[in-house]
Structure formats: C-alpha cells, structure tokens
Amino acid sequence: MSNGKTWSVVSTSESNRIILAIDFPAAGRNEASFDDLTKKMGSAWAGYGVLQTVPPTVRITDRPSGDFYTEHWMQGVEWEKYEVVVVMGYCVGSVYAAEIAQRLTRWQAREPEILLFDPQLTDSQLLAAEMHKMIGMAGAVFTADEADQARQRATRIVESPSAALYDAASEIVELYREMATIAFQRIGLNDNLRDDVVRLFESYMTWLAAAAQVDPSEGWKRSTAITSADYAVMENRGDTTVLNAVKTIGRRFPLDVGHAELMRSAQAVEVLQRHADFLAS
C-alpha cells in the first residue's frame, strides 16, 4: 500500500491488518525507532503490517497547518482495503497520531487504538530545547563560549513576547544554519552537505511548529502511553510540553528507562505483551 512518499514499510504481513507509526525518522539519530520496536516485538506482531510516516518536503516559510501533514499521509491510500488496528506516536508524532486515528473512522467502523511513547506537545520552549540538544551533540566542535552564546540566543528567541511560533522557529533555523556553517568549516565538510543537514533540521522545526495547531486531547483521552524516566524528569521540573500532555493521556505506564532507549527496551516490550490487549483482538 505504500508509495514511498507518504509511508515507508517497517514490516509486512499477509494480513490486511496494519499498525501505523507516526514519527519524524532521520538517519543516524540516537533515539530508538519504531523499526527497533517492531524487531523487539518479533512474532507478537507477525500478523500485522507496520508502516511509518514519511515527512513531506516543506519549508519553514510555507508555514503549513497541522492538517497539511495529516492530509499528506491520508492521501493516495485505499484505506477501505485495510483495518488499522493501532496508530502509534513518538514524542510530537503523538499529536498527529491522534488526528490520524480519528480520520480513519471515515473508512472503518472502529477507531484504531492509540499507543503513545513519551507524548509531547509543541511550544516555543521545545524549539529552544531542540536547538540546545543539537549544540550539545556537536561536542568539542564549538568552544564553550560559542556553545553558551548560541544557547542563550536560542532562549532569547523563544522568550521574545512578540515572537509567534513560526517566527521563532524561523529564527531558530537561521541560528542553526550559522552554527552549522562554523562546524562544517572546522570539520572540513562541504557546503552541499551542510545545506542538506540544515534542510533536515528546518523540516523538523516545521513539523514541530505545525503540530501546535493540532488538538490531540480527545484522542489522547483514549490512549495508552508508555513513558521514560527522562519524561518523568521533565514532568517534575514543570515542562509544559509534558505537563499538559500528562493531564490528557488515558492509561500510562512509566518506565525506568531513558528516552533514547524507550522503544528498544525490554521493559516497553513487556508492557505491550502484558497490556496491549487491543493487539490480540
């Protein structure tokens, strides 16, 4: 069913029953993926095909709505030929997962179950946090002062009272471009590769900003969420992207495992094997 432009195939099955995975996959990322989770589930998911979202090519200047992404994934698929049993979401992908699950009721009588991993909402602080993370991943490429100045600048961008979310996202992308230019020059990599990396980051910032326009609360009330120890830390320190999510999600299974390892952890697999009764129906 996948044309490669909207969904990629994680695993196949002879059955018409499928699981959808909503994420922003990127080569080389540290966090475990739905591919890792599917491999860990092994024969338990053998009766289902698993498909994962392919993000559309879009620029931050296009300022797409949240519906833009949902429509991108829903188009061109003969959904009436399939039974979507579960829609999974990872981080901000959880926002889109709720919308996709609701849209699927146009073609099937039963709304798919919603399974979330560290569900998170978007706000301006999240944009800055992602920039801070990217600076940290650069390691010793930047001096301590350069890294600190960039973090402070990212924080100032999102804390500006006049900055709308897309405006802030655009400025964060420009800051990322400046830092990437410095880094690639020092490492000795060419500008074409730098531009590819910046476009990927821009696409990610666009995906985050658009998600702020989607209200997942109704779907999340009926969801099952598996959350990490890092997620609990964010909740305890009052991170609004997590606090507001926790208020809404239905059933939750907190695990003592890091965010990056969540979807390849034995603990997550155990929770699914014990409690994902919707996959046995």
Protein backbone atom coordinates (compact mmCIF):
# COMPACT_ATOMS: atom_id res chain seq x y z
CA MET A 1 0.00 0.00 0.00
CA SER A 2 2.96 2.33 0.49
CA ASN A 3 4.17 4.50 -2.38
CA GLY A 4 7.29 5.55 -0.51
CA LYS A 5 6.29 9.21 -0.46
CA THR A 6 3.87 9.06 2.44
CA TRP A 7 4.55 5.76 4.26
CA SER A 8 7.58 3.51 4.50
CA VAL A 9 7.26 -0.20 5.19
CA VAL A 10 8.69 -1.30 8.54
CA SER A 11 7.36 -4.85 8.30
CA THR A 12 5.00 -6.76 6.04
CA SER A 13 2.25 -9.28 6.64
CA GLU A 14 -0.19 -11.29 4.54
CA SER A 15 -2.96 -9.87 6.70
CA ASN A 16 -4.80 -6.65 5.84
CA ARG A 17 -4.45 -5.58 9.49
CA ILE A 18 -1.89 -2.85 9.93
CA ILE A 19 -0.23 -0.69 12.56
CA LEU A 20 0.69 2.90 11.73
CA ALA A 21 3.71 4.60 13.32
CA ILE A 22 3.89 8.40 13.38
CA ASP A 23 7.40 9.77 13.76
CA PHE A 24 9.96 12.05 12.16
CA PRO A 25 12.58 9.47 11.21
CA ALA A 26 16.09 10.66 10.45
CA ALA A 27 19.19 8.69 9.59
CA GLY A 28 21.74 8.50 12.37
CA ARG A 29 19.54 9.65 15.22
CA ASN A 30 20.33 8.31 18.69
CA GLU A 31 16.75 7.62 19.77
CA ALA A 32 15.27 4.18 19.22
CA SER A 33 12.78 3.99 16.37
CA PHE A 34 9.61 2.13 15.52
CA ASP A 35 11.80 -0.18 13.46
CA ASP A 36 13.61 -1.11 16.69
CA LEU A 37 10.30 -1.64 18.48
CA THR A 38 8.90 -3.82 15.71
CA LYS A 39 12.01 -6.01 15.72
CA LYS A 40 11.78 -6.35 19.52
CA MET A 41 8.12 -7.37 19.31
CA GLY A 42 9.04 -10.11 16.84
CA SER A 43 6.42 -12.80 16.35
CA ALA A 44 3.91 -10.96 18.56
CA TRP A 45 3.40 -8.52 15.68
CA ALA A 46 3.81 -11.05 12.88
CA GLY A 47 0.14 -10.76 11.98
CA TYR A 48 0.34 -7.04 11.27
CA GLY A 49 1.96 -4.89 8.66
CA VAL A 50 3.73 -1.88 10.17
CA LEU A 51 4.00 1.39 8.25
CA GLN A 52 5.82 4.56 9.29
CA THR A 53 5.27 8.13 8.19
CA VAL A 54 7.48 9.78 5.59
CA PRO A 55 7.51 13.53 6.36
CA PRO A 56 6.66 15.74 3.37
CA THR A 57 9.20 18.11 1.87
CA VAL A 58 8.21 21.53 3.18
CA ARG A 59 9.97 24.76 4.11
CA ILE A 60 9.50 26.80 7.26
CA THR A 61 8.46 29.76 5.08
CA ASP A 62 5.46 27.73 3.88
CA ARG A 63 4.07 27.74 7.43
CA PRO A 64 1.93 24.64 6.89
CA SER A 65 -1.05 23.87 9.07
CA GLY A 66 -1.26 20.70 11.13
CA ASP A 67 -3.83 19.47 8.60
CA PHE A 68 -1.17 19.68 5.91
CA TYR A 69 0.72 16.77 7.43
CA THR A 70 -2.37 14.71 8.14
CA GLU A 71 -3.66 15.16 4.60
CA HIS A 72 -0.25 14.25 3.21
CA TRP A 73 -0.36 10.88 4.98
CA MET A 74 -4.03 10.14 4.29
CA GLN A 75 -3.98 10.81 0.55
CA GLY A 76 -3.39 8.22 -2.12
CA VAL A 77 -4.12 5.17 0.08
CA GLU A 78 -7.17 2.91 -0.35
CA TRP A 79 -7.83 2.79 3.37
CA GLU A 80 -11.07 0.85 2.93
CA LYS A 81 -8.99 -2.21 2.00
CA TYR A 82 -7.26 -2.27 5.38
CA GLU A 83 -8.04 -2.44 9.06
CA VAL A 84 -5.80 -0.11 11.03
CA VAL A 85 -5.66 -1.67 14.48
CA VAL A 86 -3.31 0.76 16.21
CA VAL A 87 -1.87 4.19 15.49
CA MET A 88 1.38 4.77 17.39
CA GLY A 89 3.07 8.10 18.02
CA TYR A 90 6.51 9.08 19.30
CA CYS A 91 7.06 12.43 21.05
CA VAL A 92 5.35 15.15 18.98
CA GLY A 93 4.35 12.46 16.50
CA SER A 94 1.79 11.54 19.17
CA VAL A 95 -0.11 14.72 18.30
CA TYR A 96 -0.52 13.66 14.69
CA ALA A 97 -1.31 10.08 15.74
CA ALA A 98 -4.50 11.21 17.48
CA GLU A 99 -5.65 13.11 14.39
CA ILE A 100 -4.90 10.22 12.04
CA ALA A 101 -6.77 7.75 14.26
CA GLN A 102 -9.84 10.00 14.13
CA ARG A 103 -9.63 10.45 10.36
CA LEU A 104 -9.57 6.70 9.84
CA THR A 105 -13.14 6.41 11.16
CA ARG A 106 -14.20 7.57 7.69
CA TRP A 107 -13.22 4.16 6.36
CA GLN A 108 -13.61 1.78 9.29
CA ALA A 109 -16.30 1.40 11.91
CA ARG A 110 -13.91 1.10 14.83
CA GLU A 111 -11.43 3.83 15.64
CA PRO A 112 -7.89 2.45 15.93
CA GLU A 113 -6.31 2.27 19.35
CA ILE A 114 -3.79 5.00 20.10
CA LEU A 115 -0.42 3.99 21.55
CA LEU A 116 2.00 6.75 22.53
CA PHE A 117 5.65 6.86 23.53
CA ASP A 118 6.70 9.95 25.53
CA PRO A 119 3.85 12.04 24.07
CA GLN A 120 4.71 15.69 23.88
CA LEU A 121 3.09 18.93 22.79
CA THR A 122 4.84 21.77 20.97
CA ASP A 123 5.54 25.19 22.41
CA SER A 124 8.32 27.72 21.91
CA GLN A 125 10.37 26.24 24.75
CA LEU A 126 10.53 22.95 22.88
CA LEU A 127 12.07 24.71 19.88
CA ALA A 128 14.82 26.13 22.07
CA ALA A 129 15.34 22.76 23.77
CA GLU A 130 15.89 21.09 20.39
CA MET A 131 18.47 23.73 19.48
CA HIS A 132 20.21 23.24 22.82
CA LYS A 133 20.31 19.50 22.14
CA MET A 134 21.85 20.00 18.72
CA ILE A 135 24.55 22.24 20.18
CA GLY A 136 25.32 19.59 22.79
CA MET A 137 25.61 16.90 20.12
CA ALA A 138 28.29 18.95 18.35
CA GLY A 139 30.60 18.32 21.27
CA ALA A 140 34.01 19.99 21.06
CA VAL A 141 33.41 21.48 17.59
CA PHE A 142 32.37 24.70 19.33
CA THR A 143 34.22 26.46 22.11
CA ALA A 144 32.45 26.59 25.45
CA ASP A 145 31.75 30.28 24.89
CA GLU A 146 30.34 29.73 21.40
CA ALA A 147 28.05 26.98 22.66
CA ASP A 148 26.89 29.07 25.60
CA GLN A 149 26.23 32.10 23.40
CA ALA A 150 24.20 30.00 20.97
CA ARG A 151 22.10 28.51 23.77
CA GLN A 152 21.43 31.96 25.21
CA ARG A 153 20.45 33.25 21.80
CA ALA A 154 18.03 30.36 21.26
CA THR A 155 16.46 31.09 24.63
CA ARG A 156 16.10 34.79 23.82
CA ILE A 157 14.44 33.96 20.51
CA VAL A 158 11.65 31.92 22.07
CA GLU A 159 11.22 34.21 25.07
CA SER A 160 10.55 37.28 22.94
CA PRO A 161 6.97 38.33 23.76
CA SER A 162 6.30 39.35 20.17
CA ALA A 163 7.54 36.14 18.51
CA ALA A 164 4.84 33.85 17.12
CA LEU A 165 5.73 30.17 16.99
CA TYR A 166 6.59 30.08 13.29
CA ASP A 167 8.60 33.30 13.63
CA ALA A 168 10.57 31.75 16.48
CA ALA A 169 11.06 28.53 14.52
CA SER A 170 12.39 30.50 11.54
CA GLU A 171 14.93 32.30 13.75
CA ILE A 172 15.99 29.02 15.34
CA VAL A 173 16.61 27.60 11.86
CA GLU A 174 18.76 30.59 10.96
CA LEU A 175 20.75 30.18 14.17
CA TYR A 176 21.22 26.52 13.36
CA ARG A 177 22.46 27.45 9.87
CA GLU A 178 25.04 29.84 11.35
CA MET A 179 26.31 27.23 13.81
CA ALA A 180 26.34 24.51 11.16
CA THR A 181 28.40 26.74 8.88
CA ILE A 182 31.01 27.19 11.61
CA ALA A 183 31.03 23.48 12.42
CA PHE A 184 31.31 22.27 8.82
CA GLN A 185 34.14 24.67 8.05
CA ARG A 186 36.10 23.42 11.06
CA ILE A 187 35.48 19.79 10.25
CA GLY A 188 36.29 20.34 6.59
CA LEU A 189 32.96 19.25 5.11
CA ASN A 190 31.48 20.92 2.03
CA ASP A 191 28.60 23.37 1.86
CA ASN A 192 26.33 20.99 -0.04
CA LEU A 193 26.35 18.53 2.85
CA ARG A 194 25.81 21.39 5.28
CA ASP A 195 22.79 22.53 3.30
CA ASP A 196 21.32 19.01 3.40
CA VAL A 197 21.70 18.91 7.18
CA VAL A 198 20.17 22.36 7.60
CA ARG A 199 17.21 21.43 5.38
CA LEU A 200 16.57 18.36 7.54
CA PHE A 201 16.60 20.47 10.69
CA GLU A 202 14.33 23.02 9.03
CA SER A 203 11.91 20.27 8.08
CA TYR A 204 11.91 19.06 11.66
CA MET A 205 11.25 22.55 13.04
CA THR A 206 8.36 22.89 10.59
CA TRP A 207 6.89 19.57 11.73
CA LEU A 208 7.10 20.72 15.36
CA ALA A 209 5.57 24.13 14.71
CA ALA A 210 2.68 22.73 12.67
CA ALA A 211 1.83 20.26 15.44
CA ALA A 212 0.97 23.17 17.72
CA GLN A 213 -2.09 23.73 15.53
CA VAL A 214 -3.49 20.25 16.19
CA ASP A 215 -5.54 19.49 19.31
CA PRO A 216 -4.97 15.81 20.21
CA SER A 217 -6.84 15.89 23.53
CA GLU A 218 -9.89 13.83 22.53
CA GLY A 219 -7.79 11.03 21.08
CA TRP A 220 -5.29 11.15 23.91
CA LYS A 221 -8.05 10.58 26.46
CA ARG A 222 -8.47 7.09 24.98
CA SER A 223 -4.74 6.45 24.55
CA THR A 224 -2.20 4.18 26.19
CA ALA A 225 1.14 5.89 26.87
CA ILE A 226 4.49 4.35 27.70
CA THR A 227 6.83 6.94 29.18
CA SER A 228 10.51 7.10 30.10
CA ALA A 229 12.47 8.21 33.14
CA ASP A 230 13.52 11.33 31.22
CA TYR A 231 9.87 12.10 30.63
CA ALA A 232 9.26 11.93 34.38
CA VAL A 233 12.12 14.38 34.96
CA MET A 234 10.54 16.82 32.51
CA GLU A 235 7.20 16.43 34.25
CA ASN A 236 8.72 17.04 37.69
CA ARG A 237 10.52 20.18 36.60
CA GLY A 238 7.31 21.61 35.16
CA ASP A 239 7.98 21.33 31.43
CA THR A 240 4.67 22.43 29.90
CA THR A 241 5.01 20.27 26.78
CA VAL A 242 4.88 17.25 29.08
CA LEU A 243 2.69 18.55 31.91
CA ASN A 244 -0.16 19.39 29.54
CA ALA A 245 0.18 16.02 27.84
CA VAL A 246 0.04 14.11 31.12
CA LYS A 247 -3.22 15.86 32.02
CA THR A 248 -4.86 14.37 28.94
CA ILE A 249 -3.49 10.90 28.23
CA GLY A 250 -5.63 7.98 29.35
CA ARG A 251 -3.65 4.99 30.59
CA ARG A 252 0.04 5.43 31.37
CA PHE A 253 2.91 3.04 32.05
CA PRO A 254 6.00 4.90 33.36
CA LEU A 255 9.27 3.00 32.93
CA ASP A 256 12.70 3.39 34.47
CA VAL A 257 14.46 3.62 31.13
CA GLY A 258 15.95 6.56 29.23
CA HIS A 259 14.08 8.34 26.46
CA ALA A 260 16.58 7.32 23.79
CA GLU A 261 16.22 3.64 24.69
CA LEU A 262 12.46 3.60 25.24
CA MET A 263 11.38 1.88 22.03
CA ARG A 264 14.09 -0.77 22.12
CA SER A 265 13.81 -1.53 25.82
CA ALA A 266 12.77 -4.89 27.22
CA GLN A 267 10.50 -3.02 29.65
CA ALA A 268 8.44 -1.47 26.84
CA VAL A 269 8.10 -4.83 25.12
CA GLU A 270 6.93 -6.39 28.38
CA VAL A 271 4.27 -3.71 28.83
CA LEU A 272 2.98 -4.29 25.32
CA GLN A 273 2.93 -8.04 25.72
CA ARG A 274 1.02 -7.81 29.01
CA HIS A 275 -1.32 -4.90 28.43
CA ALA A 276 -1.77 -4.31 24.71
CA ASP A 277 -4.99 -6.33 24.66
CA PHE A 278 -6.10 -4.40 21.59
CA LEU A 279 -3.43 -6.22 19.57
CA ALA A 280 -4.89 -9.57 20.50
CA SER A 281 -8.45 -8.76 19.47
